[in-house]
Amino acid sequence: TGGAFEGDRLSGQVLDGGSDWQLLRRDGSTLLDV
């Protein structure tokens, strides 16, 4: 739904509408696709 980023060369806001598709694998790890 939002957020922010800050660095020496660029800063700003994370806009609403992104998504984080997660897959919890049988080995206990989580794969992210954002």
PDB file of all heavy atoms in Angstrom:
ATOM      1  N   THR A   1       0.804  -1.229   0.000  1.00  0.00           N
ATOM      2  CA  THR A   1       0.000   0.000   0.000  1.00  0.00           C
ATOM      3  C   THR A   1       0.836   1.278   0.000  1.00  0.00           C
ATOM      4  O   THR A   1       0.284   2.370  -0.067  1.00  0.00           O
ATOM      5  CB  THR A   1      -0.933   0.022   1.222  1.00  0.00           C
ATOM      6  OG1 THR A   1      -0.143  -0.030   2.415  1.00  0.00           O
ATOM      7  CG2 THR A   1      -1.897  -1.155   1.188  1.00  0.00           C
ATOM      8  N   GLY A   2       2.145   1.141   0.100  1.00  0.00           N
ATOM      9  CA  GLY A   2       3.001   2.328   0.104  1.00  0.00           C
ATOM     10  C   GLY A   2       4.340   2.011   0.715  1.00  0.00           C
ATOM     11  O   GLY A   2       4.721   0.865   0.889  1.00  0.00           O
ATOM     12  N   GLY A   3       5.044   3.071   1.070  1.00  0.00           N
ATOM     13  CA  GLY A   3       6.369   2.935   1.654  1.00  0.00           C
ATOM     14  C   GLY A   3       7.248   4.079   1.193  1.00  0.00           C
ATOM     15  O   GLY A   3       6.772   5.062   0.607  1.00  0.00           O
ATOM     16  N   ALA A   4       8.528   3.947   1.449  1.00  0.00           N
ATOM     17  CA  ALA A   4       9.478   4.999   1.086  1.00  0.00           C
ATOM     18  C   ALA A   4      10.836   4.377   0.793  1.00  0.00           C
ATOM     19  O   ALA A   4      11.128   3.264   1.238  1.00  0.00           O
ATOM     20  CB  ALA A   4       9.602   6.010   2.221  1.00  0.00           C
ATOM     21  N   PHE A   5      11.654   5.115   0.038  1.00  0.00           N
ATOM     22  CA  PHE A   5      13.036   4.706  -0.199  1.00  0.00           C
ATOM     23  C   PHE A   5      13.911   5.943  -0.107  1.00  0.00           C
ATOM     24  O   PHE A   5      13.491   7.046  -0.445  1.00  0.00           O
ATOM     25  CB  PHE A   5      13.198   3.965  -1.534  1.00  0.00           C
ATOM     26  CG  PHE A   5      12.840   4.779  -2.755  1.00  0.00           C
ATOM     27  CD1 PHE A   5      13.824   5.406  -3.506  1.00  0.00           C
ATOM     28  CD2 PHE A   5      11.515   4.910  -3.161  1.00  0.00           C
ATOM     29  CE1 PHE A   5      13.500   6.143  -4.632  1.00  0.00           C
ATOM     30  CE2 PHE A   5      11.183   5.644  -4.294  1.00  0.00           C
ATOM     31  CZ  PHE A   5      12.173   6.256  -5.029  1.00  0.00           C
ATOM     32  N   GLU A   6      15.125   5.748   0.398  1.00  0.00           N
ATOM     33  CA  GLU A   6      16.027   6.885   0.613  1.00  0.00           C
ATOM     34  C   GLU A   6      17.464   6.470   0.373  1.00  0.00           C
ATOM     35  O   GLU A   6      17.932   5.479   0.920  1.00  0.00           O
ATOM     36  CB  GLU A   6      15.868   7.407   2.035  1.00  0.00           C
ATOM     37  CG  GLU A   6      16.649   8.667   2.293  1.00  0.00           C
ATOM     38  CD  GLU A   6      16.367   9.243   3.672  1.00  0.00           C
ATOM     39  OE1 GLU A   6      15.285   8.995   4.225  1.00  0.00           O
ATOM     40  OE2 GLU A   6      17.251   9.951   4.180  1.00  0.00           O
ATOM     41  N   GLY A   7      18.140   7.260  -0.470  1.00  0.00           N
ATOM     42  CA  GLY A   7      19.547   7.020  -0.756  1.00  0.00           C
ATOM     43  C   GLY A   7      20.215   8.295  -1.214  1.00  0.00           C
ATOM     44  O   GLY A   7      19.560   9.327  -1.394  1.00  0.00           O
ATOM     45  N   ASP A   8      21.524   8.236  -1.431  1.00  0.00           N
ATOM     46  CA  ASP A   8      22.279   9.410  -1.847  1.00  0.00           C
ATOM     47  C   ASP A   8      21.925   9.869  -3.259  1.00  0.00           C
ATOM     48  O   ASP A   8      21.963  11.061  -3.557  1.00  0.00           O
ATOM     49  CB  ASP A   8      23.785   9.134  -1.781  1.00  0.00           C
ATOM     50  CG  ASP A   8      24.291   9.016  -0.367  1.00  0.00           C
ATOM     51  OD1 ASP A   8      23.601   9.488   0.562  1.00  0.00           O
ATOM     52  OD2 ASP A   8      25.375   8.429  -0.175  1.00  0.00           O
ATOM     53  N   ARG A   9      21.577   8.925  -4.146  1.00  0.00           N
ATOM     54  CA  ARG A   9      21.332   9.270  -5.544  1.00  0.00           C
ATOM     55  C   ARG A   9      19.853   9.327  -5.917  1.00  0.00           C
ATOM     56  O   ARG A   9      19.510   9.909  -6.940  1.00  0.00           O
ATOM     57  CB  ARG A   9      22.057   8.288  -6.464  1.00  0.00           C
ATOM     58  CG  ARG A   9      23.570   8.409  -6.316  1.00  0.00           C
ATOM     59  CD  ARG A   9      24.298   7.422  -7.191  1.00  0.00           C
ATOM     60  NE  ARG A   9      24.206   6.095  -6.576  1.00  0.00           N
ATOM     61  CZ  ARG A   9      24.441   4.956  -7.211  1.00  0.00           C
ATOM     62  NH1 ARG A   9      24.754   4.977  -8.482  1.00  0.00           N
ATOM     63  NH2 ARG A   9      24.359   3.815  -6.570  1.00  0.00           N
ATOM     64  N   LEU A  10      18.989   8.732  -5.121  1.00  0.00           N
ATOM     65  CA  LEU A  10      17.555   8.820  -5.364  1.00  0.00           C
ATOM     66  C   LEU A  10      16.786   8.460  -4.117  1.00  0.00           C
ATOM     67  O   LEU A  10      17.216   7.627  -3.317  1.00  0.00           O
ATOM     68  CB  LEU A  10      17.107   7.960  -6.546  1.00  0.00           C
ATOM     69  CG  LEU A  10      17.126   6.451  -6.435  1.00  0.00           C
ATOM     70  CD1 LEU A  10      16.168   5.866  -7.464  1.00  0.00           C
ATOM     71  CD2 LEU A  10      18.511   5.898  -6.696  1.00  0.00           C
ATOM     72  N   SER A  11      15.667   9.132  -3.943  1.00  0.00           N
ATOM     73  CA  SER A  11      14.775   8.920  -2.801  1.00  0.00           C
ATOM     74  C   SER A  11      13.362   9.192  -3.277  1.00  0.00           C
ATOM     75  O   SER A  11      13.146   9.869  -4.281  1.00  0.00           O
ATOM     76  CB  SER A  11      15.110   9.878  -1.649  1.00  0.00           C
ATOM     77  OG  SER A  11      16.400   9.657  -1.149  1.00  0.00           O
ATOM     78  N   GLY A  12      12.384   8.688  -2.538  1.00  0.00           N
ATOM     79  CA  GLY A  12      11.001   8.946  -2.895  1.00  0.00           C
ATOM     80  C   GLY A  12      10.050   8.037  -2.164  1.00  0.00           C
ATOM     81  O   GLY A  12      10.337   7.547  -1.064  1.00  0.00           O
ATOM     82  N   GLN A  13       8.913   7.791  -2.814  1.00  0.00           N
ATOM     83  CA  GLN A  13       7.873   6.980  -2.194  1.00  0.00           C
ATOM     84  C   GLN A  13       7.552   5.751  -3.033  1.00  0.00           C
ATOM     85  O   GLN A  13       7.694   5.758  -4.249  1.00  0.00           O
ATOM     86  CB  GLN A  13       6.617   7.818  -1.964  1.00  0.00           C
ATOM     87  CG  GLN A  13       5.984   8.348  -3.240  1.00  0.00           C
ATOM     88  CD  GLN A  13       4.769   9.212  -2.954  1.00  0.00           C
ATOM     89  OE1 GLN A  13       3.987   8.916  -2.066  1.00  0.00           O
ATOM     90  NE2 GLN A  13       4.607  10.271  -3.728  1.00  0.00           N
ATOM     91  N   VAL A  14       7.113   4.712  -2.335  1.00  0.00           N
ATOM     92  CA  VAL A  14       6.594   3.515  -2.973  1.00  0.00           C
ATOM     93  C   VAL A  14       5.094   3.765  -3.142  1.00  0.00           C
ATOM     94  O   VAL A  14       4.403   4.099  -2.178  1.00  0.00           O
ATOM     95  CB  VAL A  14       6.842   2.260  -2.111  1.00  0.00           C
ATOM     96  CG1 VAL A  14       6.238   1.030  -2.764  1.00  0.00           C
ATOM     97  CG2 VAL A  14       8.337   2.083  -1.850  1.00  0.00           C
ATOM     98  N   LEU A  15       4.601   3.612  -4.355  1.00  0.00           N
ATOM     99  CA  LEU A  15       3.199   3.902  -4.630  1.00  0.00           C
ATOM    100  C   LEU A  15       2.303   2.714  -4.284  1.00  0.00           C
ATOM    101  O   LEU A  15       2.732   1.560  -4.325  1.00  0.00           O
ATOM    102  CB  LEU A  15       3.018   4.282  -6.103  1.00  0.00           C
ATOM    103  CG  LEU A  15       3.812   5.508  -6.556  1.00  0.00           C
ATOM    104  CD1 LEU A  15       3.606   5.749  -8.050  1.00  0.00           C
ATOM    105  CD2 LEU A  15       3.424   6.736  -5.752  1.00  0.00           C
ATOM    106  N   ASP A  16       1.075   3.004  -3.967  1.00  0.00           N
ATOM    107  CA  ASP A  16       0.067   1.991  -3.679  1.00  0.00           C
ATOM    108  C   ASP A  16      -0.152   1.119  -4.917  1.00  0.00           C
ATOM    109  O   ASP A  16      -0.104   1.620  -6.038  1.00  0.00           O
ATOM    110  CB  ASP A  16      -1.244   2.699  -3.296  1.00  0.00           C
ATOM    111  CG  ASP A  16      -2.349   1.761  -2.891  1.00  0.00           C
ATOM    112  OD1 ASP A  16      -2.074   0.582  -2.564  1.00  0.00           O
ATOM    113  OD2 ASP A  16      -3.515   2.198  -2.888  1.00  0.00           O
ATOM    114  N   GLY A  17      -0.384  -0.172  -4.706  1.00  0.00           N
ATOM    115  CA  GLY A  17      -0.752  -1.051  -5.810  1.00  0.00           C
ATOM    116  C   GLY A  17       0.256  -2.118  -6.166  1.00  0.00           C
ATOM    117  O   GLY A  17       0.009  -2.918  -7.063  1.00  0.00           O
ATOM    118  N   GLY A  18       1.377  -2.178  -5.462  1.00  0.00           N
ATOM    119  CA  GLY A  18       2.336  -3.238  -5.723  1.00  0.00           C
ATOM    120  C   GLY A  18       1.873  -4.542  -5.102  1.00  0.00           C
ATOM    121  O   GLY A  18       0.895  -4.594  -4.347  1.00  0.00           O
ATOM    122  N   SER A  19       2.563  -5.620  -5.434  1.00  0.00           N
ATOM    123  CA  SER A  19       2.194  -6.903  -4.840  1.00  0.00           C
ATOM    124  C   SER A  19       3.418  -7.780  -4.641  1.00  0.00           C
ATOM    125  O   SER A  19       4.420  -7.661  -5.340  1.00  0.00           O
ATOM    126  CB  SER A  19       1.157  -7.626  -5.697  1.00  0.00           C
ATOM    127  OG  SER A  19       1.676  -7.904  -6.978  1.00  0.00           O
ATOM    128  N   ASP A  20       3.303  -8.628  -3.649  1.00  0.00           N
ATOM    129  CA  ASP A  20       4.360  -9.553  -3.241  1.00  0.00           C
ATOM    130  C   ASP A  20       3.766 -10.954  -3.271  1.00  0.00           C
ATOM    131  O   ASP A  20       3.076 -11.360  -2.348  1.00  0.00           O
ATOM    132  CB  ASP A  20       4.822  -9.175  -1.825  1.00  0.00           C
ATOM    133  CG  ASP A  20       5.888 -10.098  -1.265  1.00  0.00           C
ATOM    134  OD1 ASP A  20       6.285 -11.056  -1.956  1.00  0.00           O
ATOM    135  OD2 ASP A  20       6.320  -9.858  -0.124  1.00  0.00           O
ATOM    136  N   TRP A  21       3.986 -11.664  -4.369  1.00  0.00           N
ATOM    137  CA  TRP A  21       3.483 -13.028  -4.515  1.00  0.00           C
ATOM    138  C   TRP A  21       4.493 -13.964  -3.865  1.00  0.00           C
ATOM    139  O   TRP A  21       5.641 -14.053  -4.312  1.00  0.00           O
ATOM    140  CB  TRP A  21       3.313 -13.369  -5.988  1.00  0.00           C
ATOM    141  CG  TRP A  21       2.143 -12.690  -6.613  1.00  0.00           C
ATOM    142  CD1 TRP A  21       1.879 -11.356  -6.617  1.00  0.00           C
ATOM    143  CD2 TRP A  21       1.077 -13.314  -7.302  1.00  0.00           C
ATOM    144  NE1 TRP A  21       0.709 -11.112  -7.281  1.00  0.00           N
ATOM    145  CE2 TRP A  21       0.189 -12.296  -7.723  1.00  0.00           C
ATOM    146  CE3 TRP A  21       0.783 -14.634  -7.627  1.00  0.00           C
ATOM    147  CZ2 TRP A  21      -0.963 -12.562  -8.430  1.00  0.00           C
ATOM    148  CZ3 TRP A  21      -0.371 -14.896  -8.348  1.00  0.00           C
ATOM    149  CH2 TRP A  21      -1.231 -13.876  -8.730  1.00  0.00           C
ATOM    150  N   GLN A  22       4.067 -14.628  -2.821  1.00  0.00           N
ATOM    151  CA  GLN A  22       4.960 -15.513  -2.075  1.00  0.00           C
ATOM    152  C   GLN A  22       4.553 -16.966  -2.264  1.00  0.00           C
ATOM    153  O   GLN A  22       3.362 -17.290  -2.299  1.00  0.00           O
ATOM    154  CB  GLN A  22       4.923 -15.189  -0.588  1.00  0.00           C
ATOM    155  CG  GLN A  22       5.426 -13.804  -0.270  1.00  0.00           C
ATOM    156  CD  GLN A  22       5.478 -13.533   1.213  1.00  0.00           C
ATOM    157  OE1 GLN A  22       5.137 -14.373   2.043  1.00  0.00           O
ATOM    158  NE2 GLN A  22       5.920 -12.345   1.573  1.00  0.00           N
ATOM    159  N   LEU A  23       5.551 -17.812  -2.361  1.00  0.00           N
ATOM    160  CA  LEU A  23       5.342 -19.246  -2.429  1.00  0.00           C
ATOM    161  C   LEU A  23       6.135 -19.879  -1.300  1.00  0.00           C
ATOM    162  O   LEU A  23       7.365 -19.774  -1.267  1.00  0.00           O
ATOM    163  CB  LEU A  23       5.799 -19.803  -3.777  1.00  0.00           C
ATOM    164  CG  LEU A  23       5.486 -21.274  -4.003  1.00  0.00           C
ATOM    165  CD1 LEU A  23       3.978 -21.500  -4.099  1.00  0.00           C
ATOM    166  CD2 LEU A  23       6.168 -21.767  -5.267  1.00  0.00           C
ATOM    167  N   LEU A  24       5.431 -20.486  -0.350  1.00  0.00           N
ATOM    168  CA  LEU A  24       6.086 -21.184   0.749  1.00  0.00           C
ATOM    169  C   LEU A  24       6.356 -22.606   0.285  1.00  0.00           C
ATOM    170  O   LEU A  24       5.427 -23.375   0.013  1.00  0.00           O
ATOM    171  CB  LEU A  24       5.209 -21.180   2.007  1.00  0.00           C
ATOM    172  CG  LEU A  24       5.167 -19.857   2.772  1.00  0.00           C
ATOM    173  CD1 LEU A  24       4.482 -18.771   1.990  1.00  0.00           C
ATOM    174  CD2 LEU A  24       4.521 -20.058   4.103  1.00  0.00           C
ATOM    175  N   ARG A  25       7.633 -22.918   0.161  1.00  0.00           N
ATOM    176  CA  ARG A  25       8.031 -24.227  -0.346  1.00  0.00           C
ATOM    177  C   ARG A  25       8.019 -25.270   0.763  1.00  0.00           C
ATOM    178  O   ARG A  25       8.059 -24.943   1.948  1.00  0.00           O
ATOM    179  CB  ARG A  25       9.422 -24.149  -0.979  1.00  0.00           C
ATOM    180  CG  ARG A  25       9.473 -23.205  -2.155  1.00  0.00           C
ATOM    181  CD  ARG A  25      10.734 -23.280  -2.951  1.00  0.00           C
ATOM    182  NE  ARG A  25      11.940 -23.363  -2.149  1.00  0.00           N
ATOM    183  CZ  ARG A  25      13.168 -23.225  -2.638  1.00  0.00           C
ATOM    184  NH1 ARG A  25      13.353 -22.999  -3.916  1.00  0.00           N
ATOM    185  NH2 ARG A  25      14.216 -23.314  -1.857  1.00  0.00           N
ATOM    186  N   ARG A  26       8.017 -26.501   0.356  1.00  0.00           N
ATOM    187  CA  ARG A  26       7.987 -27.607   1.307  1.00  0.00           C
ATOM    188  C   ARG A  26       9.252 -27.688   2.156  1.00  0.00           C
ATOM    189  O   ARG A  26       9.245 -28.270   3.233  1.00  0.00           O
ATOM    190  CB  ARG A  26       7.724 -28.914   0.573  1.00  0.00           C
ATOM    191  CG  ARG A  26       6.284 -28.986   0.073  1.00  0.00           C
ATOM    192  CD  ARG A  26       6.019 -30.159  -0.852  1.00  0.00           C
ATOM    193  NE  ARG A  26       4.672 -30.084  -1.393  1.00  0.00           N
ATOM    194  CZ  ARG A  26       4.307 -29.349  -2.451  1.00  0.00           C
ATOM    195  NH1 ARG A  26       5.199 -28.617  -3.058  1.00  0.00           N
ATOM    196  NH2 ARG A  26       3.069 -29.343  -2.874  1.00  0.00           N
ATOM    197  N   ASP A  27      10.342 -27.045   1.703  1.00  0.00           N
ATOM    198  CA  ASP A  27      11.584 -27.049   2.497  1.00  0.00           C
ATOM    199  C   ASP A  27      11.589 -25.937   3.542  1.00  0.00           C
ATOM    200  O   ASP A  27      12.577 -25.744   4.245  1.00  0.00           O
ATOM    201  CB  ASP A  27      12.816 -26.949   1.593  1.00  0.00           C
ATOM    202  CG  ASP A  27      12.947 -25.615   0.863  1.00  0.00           C
ATOM    203  OD1 ASP A  27      12.065 -24.735   1.021  1.00  0.00           O
ATOM    204  OD2 ASP A  27      13.938 -25.454   0.131  1.00  0.00           O
ATOM    205  N   GLY A  28      10.486 -25.186   3.649  1.00  0.00           N
ATOM    206  CA  GLY A  28      10.371 -24.135   4.653  1.00  0.00           C
ATOM    207  C   GLY A  28      10.788 -22.758   4.173  1.00  0.00           C
ATOM    208  O   GLY A  28      10.581 -21.771   4.877  1.00  0.00           O
ATOM    209  N   SER A  29      11.358 -22.651   2.991  1.00  0.00           N
ATOM    210  CA  SER A  29      11.771 -21.344   2.489  1.00  0.00           C
ATOM    211  C   SER A  29      10.610 -20.664   1.768  1.00  0.00           C
ATOM    212  O   SER A  29       9.666 -21.314   1.319  1.00  0.00           O
ATOM    213  CB  SER A  29      12.980 -21.473   1.564  1.00  0.00           C
ATOM    214  OG  SER A  29      12.669 -22.278   0.455  1.00  0.00           O
ATOM    215  N   THR A  30      10.697 -19.351   1.667  1.00  0.00           N
ATOM    216  CA  THR A  30       9.678 -18.550   0.999  1.00  0.00           C
ATOM    217  C   THR A  30      10.312 -17.881  -0.210  1.00  0.00           C
ATOM    218  O   THR A  30      11.321 -17.191  -0.086  1.00  0.00           O
ATOM    219  CB  THR A  30       9.114 -17.477   1.946  1.00  0.00           C
ATOM    220  OG1 THR A  30       8.545 -18.113   3.091  1.00  0.00           O
ATOM    221  CG2 THR A  30       8.062 -16.628   1.256  1.00  0.00           C
ATOM    222  N   LEU A  31       9.709 -18.102  -1.378  1.00  0.00           N
ATOM    223  CA  LEU A  31      10.137 -17.423  -2.598  1.00  0.00           C
ATOM    224  C   LEU A  31       9.271 -16.189  -2.785  1.00  0.00           C
ATOM    225  O   LEU A  31       8.052 -16.251  -2.625  1.00  0.00           O
ATOM    226  CB  LEU A  31       9.984 -18.339  -3.811  1.00  0.00           C
ATOM    227  CG  LEU A  31      10.829 -19.596  -3.842  1.00  0.00           C
ATOM    228  CD1 LEU A  31      10.579 -20.368  -5.135  1.00  0.00           C
ATOM    229  CD2 LEU A  31      12.307 -19.267  -3.701  1.00  0.00           C
ATOM    230  N   LEU A  32       9.901 -15.070  -3.129  1.00  0.00           N
ATOM    231  CA  LEU A  32       9.208 -13.806  -3.341  1.00  0.00           C
ATOM    232  C   LEU A  32       9.221 -13.444  -4.818  1.00  0.00           C
ATOM    233  O   LEU A  32      10.221 -13.657  -5.504  1.00  0.00           O
ATOM    234  CB  LEU A  32       9.893 -12.686  -2.567  1.00  0.00           C
ATOM    235  CG  LEU A  32      10.177 -12.930  -1.089  1.00  0.00           C
ATOM    236  CD1 LEU A  32      11.040 -11.825  -0.552  1.00  0.00           C
ATOM    237  CD2 LEU A  32       8.896 -13.048  -0.316  1.00  0.00           C
ATOM    238  N   ASP A  33       8.133 -12.869  -5.282  1.00  0.00           N
ATOM    239  CA  ASP A  33       8.032 -12.334  -6.643  1.00  0.00           C
ATOM    240  C   ASP A  33       7.276 -11.017  -6.511  1.00  0.00           C
ATOM    241  O   ASP A  33       6.064 -11.007  -6.326  1.00  0.00           O
ATOM    242  CB  ASP A  33       7.295 -13.314  -7.540  1.00  0.00           C
ATOM    243  CG  ASP A  33       7.248 -12.867  -8.991  1.00  0.00           C
ATOM    244  OD1 ASP A  33       7.790 -11.788  -9.329  1.00  0.00           O
ATOM    245  OD2 ASP A  33       6.653 -13.597  -9.802  1.00  0.00           O
ATOM    246  N   VAL A  34       8.008  -9.902  -6.577  1.00  0.00           N
ATOM    247  CA  VAL A  34       7.453  -8.597  -6.207  1.00  0.00           C
ATOM    248  C   VAL A  34       7.516  -7.625  -7.380  1.00  0.00           C
ATOM    249  O   VAL A  34       8.511  -7.589  -8.113  1.00  0.00           O
ATOM    250  CB  VAL A  34       8.226  -8.020  -4.988  1.00  0.00           C
ATOM    251  CG1 VAL A  34       7.701  -6.660  -4.593  1.00  0.00           C
ATOM    252  CG2 VAL A  34       8.165  -8.998  -3.820  1.00  0.00           C
TER     253      VAL A  34
END
